[in-house]
N, C-alpha and C. Protein backbone atom coordinates (compact mmCIF):
# COMPACT_ATOMS: atom_id res chain seq x y z
N UNK A 1 0.86 -1.18 0.00
CA UNK A 1 0.00 0.00 0.00
C UNK A 1 0.89 1.22 0.00
N UNK A 2 0.64 2.15 -0.90
CA UNK A 2 1.43 3.37 -1.03
C UNK A 2 0.60 4.53 -0.52
N UNK A 3 1.16 5.30 0.43
CA UNK A 3 0.47 6.48 0.96
C UNK A 3 1.31 7.69 0.59
N UNK A 4 0.68 8.66 -0.01
CA UNK A 4 1.39 9.87 -0.43
C UNK A 4 0.93 11.02 0.47
N UNK A 5 1.91 11.73 1.03
CA UNK A 5 1.61 12.87 1.88
C UNK A 5 1.99 14.15 1.15
N UNK A 6 1.18 15.17 1.28
CA UNK A 6 1.56 16.48 0.76
C UNK A 6 2.62 17.09 1.66
N UNK A 7 3.34 18.08 1.15
CA UNK A 7 4.43 18.67 1.93
C UNK A 7 3.94 19.28 3.23
N UNK A 8 2.78 19.90 3.21
CA UNK A 8 2.29 20.60 4.39
C UNK A 8 1.17 19.87 5.11
N UNK A 9 0.98 18.62 4.79
CA UNK A 9 -0.09 17.88 5.43
C UNK A 9 0.25 17.63 6.90
N UNK A 10 -0.75 17.42 7.68
CA UNK A 10 -0.56 17.14 9.10
C UNK A 10 0.26 15.86 9.29
N UNK A 11 0.00 14.86 8.48
CA UNK A 11 0.75 13.60 8.60
C UNK A 11 2.23 13.82 8.36
N UNK A 12 2.56 14.63 7.36
CA UNK A 12 3.97 14.89 7.05
C UNK A 12 4.63 15.62 8.20
N UNK A 13 3.92 16.57 8.79
CA UNK A 13 4.50 17.32 9.91
C UNK A 13 4.68 16.43 11.14
N UNK A 14 3.72 15.55 11.39
CA UNK A 14 3.83 14.64 12.53
C UNK A 14 4.99 13.68 12.32
N UNK A 15 5.11 13.14 11.14
CA UNK A 15 6.22 12.22 10.85
C UNK A 15 7.57 12.92 10.98
N UNK A 16 7.65 14.18 10.54
CA UNK A 16 8.89 14.94 10.67
C UNK A 16 9.23 15.12 12.14
N UNK A 17 8.24 15.48 12.96
CA UNK A 17 8.48 15.66 14.39
C UNK A 17 8.92 14.36 15.04
N UNK A 18 8.27 13.27 14.70
CA UNK A 18 8.62 11.96 15.27
C UNK A 18 10.04 11.58 14.88
N UNK A 19 10.42 11.88 13.64
CA UNK A 19 11.77 11.59 13.19
C UNK A 19 12.79 12.39 13.97
N UNK A 20 12.53 13.68 14.16
CA UNK A 20 13.44 14.54 14.92
C UNK A 20 13.50 14.09 16.38
N UNK A 21 12.34 13.78 16.95
CA UNK A 21 12.30 13.33 18.34
C UNK A 21 13.10 12.04 18.51
N UNK A 22 12.94 11.12 17.57
CA UNK A 22 13.67 9.86 17.64
C UNK A 22 15.17 10.06 17.56
N UNK A 23 15.59 10.99 16.71
CA UNK A 23 17.02 11.29 16.59
C UNK A 23 17.55 11.89 17.88
N UNK A 24 16.77 12.78 18.50
CA UNK A 24 17.19 13.39 19.76
C UNK A 24 17.30 12.35 20.86
N UNK A 25 16.34 11.46 20.94
CA UNK A 25 16.38 10.40 21.95
C UNK A 25 17.59 9.51 21.73
N UNK A 26 17.85 9.17 20.48
CA UNK A 26 19.01 8.33 20.17
C UNK A 26 20.30 9.02 20.59
N UNK A 27 20.44 10.30 20.27
CA UNK A 27 21.65 11.03 20.65
C UNK A 27 21.79 11.14 22.16
N UNK A 28 20.66 11.35 22.87
CA UNK A 28 20.70 11.44 24.33
C UNK A 28 21.21 10.13 24.93
N UNK A 29 20.74 9.03 24.40
CA UNK A 29 21.16 7.73 24.92
C UNK A 29 22.65 7.46 24.67
N UNK A 30 23.17 8.06 23.61
CA UNK A 30 24.57 7.86 23.27
C UNK A 30 25.52 8.76 24.07
N UNK A 31 24.98 9.77 24.75
CA UNK A 31 25.85 10.67 25.51
C UNK A 31 26.43 9.97 26.73
N UNK A 32 27.59 10.44 27.13
CA UNK A 32 28.21 9.92 28.34
C UNK A 32 27.55 10.51 29.58
N UNK A 33 27.84 9.91 30.73
CA UNK A 33 27.23 10.34 31.98
C UNK A 33 27.60 11.79 32.31
N UNK A 34 28.86 12.16 32.10
CA UNK A 34 29.31 13.53 32.40
C UNK A 34 28.58 14.55 31.53
N UNK A 35 28.42 14.22 30.26
CA UNK A 35 27.73 15.15 29.35
C UNK A 35 26.25 15.29 29.74
N UNK A 36 25.62 14.19 30.12
CA UNK A 36 24.22 14.27 30.55
C UNK A 36 24.08 15.15 31.78
N UNK A 37 25.01 15.00 32.72
CA UNK A 37 24.95 15.82 33.94
C UNK A 37 25.11 17.29 33.58
N UNK A 38 26.03 17.59 32.66
CA UNK A 38 26.25 18.97 32.25
C UNK A 38 24.98 19.57 31.64
N UNK A 39 24.32 18.82 30.75
CA UNK A 39 23.08 19.30 30.13
C UNK A 39 21.96 19.46 31.17
N UNK A 40 21.87 18.53 32.11
CA UNK A 40 20.83 18.62 33.13
C UNK A 40 21.05 19.82 34.04
N UNK A 41 22.31 20.12 34.37
CA UNK A 41 22.60 21.30 35.18
C UNK A 41 22.26 22.58 34.42
N UNK A 42 22.56 22.59 33.13
CA UNK A 42 22.23 23.75 32.31
C UNK A 42 20.71 23.94 32.25
N UNK A 43 19.99 22.85 32.09
CA UNK A 43 18.52 22.93 32.04
C UNK A 43 17.96 23.42 33.38
N UNK A 44 18.55 22.96 34.48
CA UNK A 44 18.10 23.40 35.80
C UNK A 44 18.35 24.89 35.98
N UNK A 45 19.52 25.37 35.54
CA UNK A 45 19.85 26.79 35.63
C UNK A 45 18.88 27.63 34.81
N UNK A 46 18.59 27.19 33.58
CA UNK A 46 17.65 27.91 32.74
C UNK A 46 16.25 27.94 33.35
N UNK A 47 15.84 26.84 33.96
CA UNK A 47 14.53 26.78 34.61
C UNK A 47 14.46 27.77 35.77
N UNK A 48 15.54 27.87 36.55
CA UNK A 48 15.57 28.82 37.67
C UNK A 48 15.51 30.26 37.16
N UNK A 49 16.27 30.55 36.09
CA UNK A 49 16.25 31.89 35.52
C UNK A 49 14.86 32.25 34.99
N UNK A 50 14.23 31.30 34.32
CA UNK A 50 12.88 31.55 33.80
C UNK A 50 11.87 31.74 34.93
N UNK A 51 12.03 31.00 36.02
CA UNK A 51 11.13 31.17 37.16
C UNK A 51 11.30 32.56 37.77
N UNK A 52 12.55 33.04 37.86
CA UNK A 52 12.80 34.38 38.40
C UNK A 52 12.19 35.44 37.48
N UNK A 53 12.35 35.27 36.17
CA UNK A 53 11.76 36.23 35.22
C UNK A 53 10.25 36.22 35.32
N UNK A 54 9.67 35.03 35.47
CA UNK A 54 8.21 34.93 35.59
C UNK A 54 7.72 35.62 36.85
N UNK A 55 8.42 35.43 37.96
CA UNK A 55 8.04 36.08 39.22
C UNK A 55 8.13 37.59 39.08
N UNK A 56 9.17 38.07 38.42
CA UNK A 56 9.33 39.52 38.22
C UNK A 56 8.21 40.08 37.35
N UNK A 57 7.85 39.34 36.31
CA UNK A 57 6.77 39.78 35.42
C UNK A 57 5.44 39.80 36.16
N UNK A 58 5.18 38.79 36.99
CA UNK A 58 3.94 38.77 37.76
C UNK A 58 3.89 39.92 38.76
N UNK A 59 5.01 40.23 39.38
CA UNK A 59 5.07 41.34 40.32
C UNK A 59 4.76 42.66 39.60
N UNK A 60 5.37 42.88 38.43
CA UNK A 60 5.12 44.10 37.66
C UNK A 60 3.66 44.18 37.23
N UNK A 61 3.10 43.03 36.84
CA UNK A 61 1.69 43.02 36.44
C UNK A 61 0.78 43.38 37.61
N UNK A 62 1.05 42.77 38.77
CA UNK A 62 0.22 43.07 39.94
C UNK A 62 0.35 44.52 40.37
N UNK A 63 1.56 45.08 40.25
CA UNK A 63 1.73 46.49 40.58
C UNK A 63 0.97 47.38 39.61
N UNK A 64 0.95 46.98 38.34
CA UNK A 64 0.21 47.78 37.36
C UNK A 64 -1.29 47.74 37.62
N UNK A 65 -1.77 46.62 38.15
CA UNK A 65 -3.20 46.54 38.48
C UNK A 65 -3.57 47.47 39.62
N UNK A 66 -2.62 47.75 40.52
CA UNK A 66 -2.94 48.61 41.65
C UNK A 66 -3.19 50.05 41.21
N UNK A 67 -2.83 50.39 39.97
CA UNK A 67 -3.08 51.74 39.47
C UNK A 67 -4.55 51.95 39.13
N UNK A 68 -5.29 50.86 38.96
CA UNK A 68 -6.70 50.96 38.61
C UNK A 68 -7.54 50.74 39.86
N UNK A 69 -8.24 51.75 40.28
CA UNK A 69 -9.01 51.63 41.53
C UNK A 69 -10.23 50.73 41.35
N UNK A 70 -10.74 50.20 42.47
CA UNK A 70 -12.02 49.50 42.40
C UNK A 70 -13.10 50.45 41.88
N UNK A 71 -14.16 49.92 41.34
CA UNK A 71 -15.16 50.74 40.66
C UNK A 71 -15.74 51.85 41.53
N UNK A 72 -15.90 51.63 42.83
CA UNK A 72 -16.48 52.65 43.70
C UNK A 72 -15.57 53.84 43.91
N UNK A 73 -14.26 53.64 43.80
CA UNK A 73 -13.31 54.73 44.04
C UNK A 73 -13.05 55.56 42.78
N UNK A 74 -13.50 55.11 41.65
CA UNK A 74 -13.13 55.76 40.41
C UNK A 74 -13.57 57.21 40.38
N UNK A 75 -14.71 57.50 40.96
CA UNK A 75 -15.26 58.85 40.88
C UNK A 75 -14.73 59.78 41.97
N UNK A 76 -13.94 59.25 42.88
CA UNK A 76 -13.34 60.09 43.90
C UNK A 76 -12.24 60.93 43.26
N UNK A 77 -12.35 62.25 43.36
CA UNK A 77 -11.38 63.15 42.73
C UNK A 77 -9.98 62.95 43.31
N UNK A 78 -9.88 62.78 44.62
CA UNK A 78 -8.57 62.61 45.25
C UNK A 78 -7.90 61.33 44.77
N UNK A 79 -8.64 60.25 44.67
CA UNK A 79 -8.08 58.98 44.20
C UNK A 79 -7.68 59.10 42.74
N UNK A 80 -8.53 59.72 41.94
CA UNK A 80 -8.23 59.89 40.52
C UNK A 80 -6.97 60.71 40.32
N UNK A 81 -6.81 61.78 41.10
CA UNK A 81 -5.61 62.61 40.99
C UNK A 81 -4.36 61.85 41.44
N UNK A 82 -4.51 61.04 42.48
CA UNK A 82 -3.38 60.24 42.95
C UNK A 82 -2.94 59.25 41.86
N UNK A 83 -3.89 58.59 41.24
CA UNK A 83 -3.57 57.63 40.18
C UNK A 83 -2.92 58.34 38.99
N UNK A 84 -3.44 59.51 38.65
CA UNK A 84 -2.88 60.27 37.54
C UNK A 84 -1.42 60.63 37.83
N UNK A 85 -1.12 61.02 39.05
CA UNK A 85 0.25 61.36 39.43
C UNK A 85 1.15 60.13 39.39
N UNK A 86 0.65 58.99 39.82
CA UNK A 86 1.42 57.76 39.74
C UNK A 86 1.76 57.42 38.30
N UNK A 87 0.78 57.53 37.41
CA UNK A 87 1.03 57.26 35.99
C UNK A 87 2.04 58.23 35.41
N UNK A 88 1.96 59.50 35.80
CA UNK A 88 2.90 60.51 35.31
C UNK A 88 4.32 60.17 35.75
N UNK A 89 4.49 59.76 37.01
CA UNK A 89 5.81 59.43 37.51
C UNK A 89 6.39 58.20 36.81
N UNK A 90 5.53 57.21 36.57
CA UNK A 90 5.98 56.02 35.85
C UNK A 90 6.41 56.39 34.44
N UNK A 91 5.65 57.25 33.80
CA UNK A 91 5.99 57.69 32.44
C UNK A 91 7.33 58.42 32.45
N UNK A 92 7.54 59.28 33.43
CA UNK A 92 8.81 60.00 33.51
C UNK A 92 9.99 59.08 33.76
N UNK A 93 9.77 58.00 34.51
CA UNK A 93 10.83 57.02 34.71
C UNK A 93 11.16 56.28 33.42
N UNK A 94 10.13 55.98 32.64
CA UNK A 94 10.33 55.25 31.40
C UNK A 94 10.96 56.12 30.32
N UNK A 95 10.58 57.40 30.28
CA UNK A 95 11.06 58.32 29.26
C UNK A 95 11.61 59.58 29.88
N UNK A 96 12.78 59.51 30.48
CA UNK A 96 13.31 60.66 31.25
C UNK A 96 13.69 61.86 30.40
N UNK A 97 13.94 61.67 29.10
CA UNK A 97 14.39 62.79 28.27
C UNK A 97 13.26 63.60 27.69
N UNK A 98 12.02 63.15 27.81
CA UNK A 98 10.89 63.88 27.24
C UNK A 98 10.44 65.01 28.10
């Protein structure tokens, strides 16, 4: 039985991925113990760096949410002016030459 796949067909893409995955697994099995440890340490370091970046991004996001008051406070002039001043200061930090 002959099956023909188009270049961009899902089957062709899946087979390509499986081929690449199989090659990677084969190469991993062929590595020595020292090389595997080196790669695992590098992966652990990258995971820690990414976790730190994610925590920093979440902190910045949560801080940005604090600029928006709950719906009941929106109409308070003092709160609105305070938020406007906070946004102005953040803008000046981001663009000090303007």
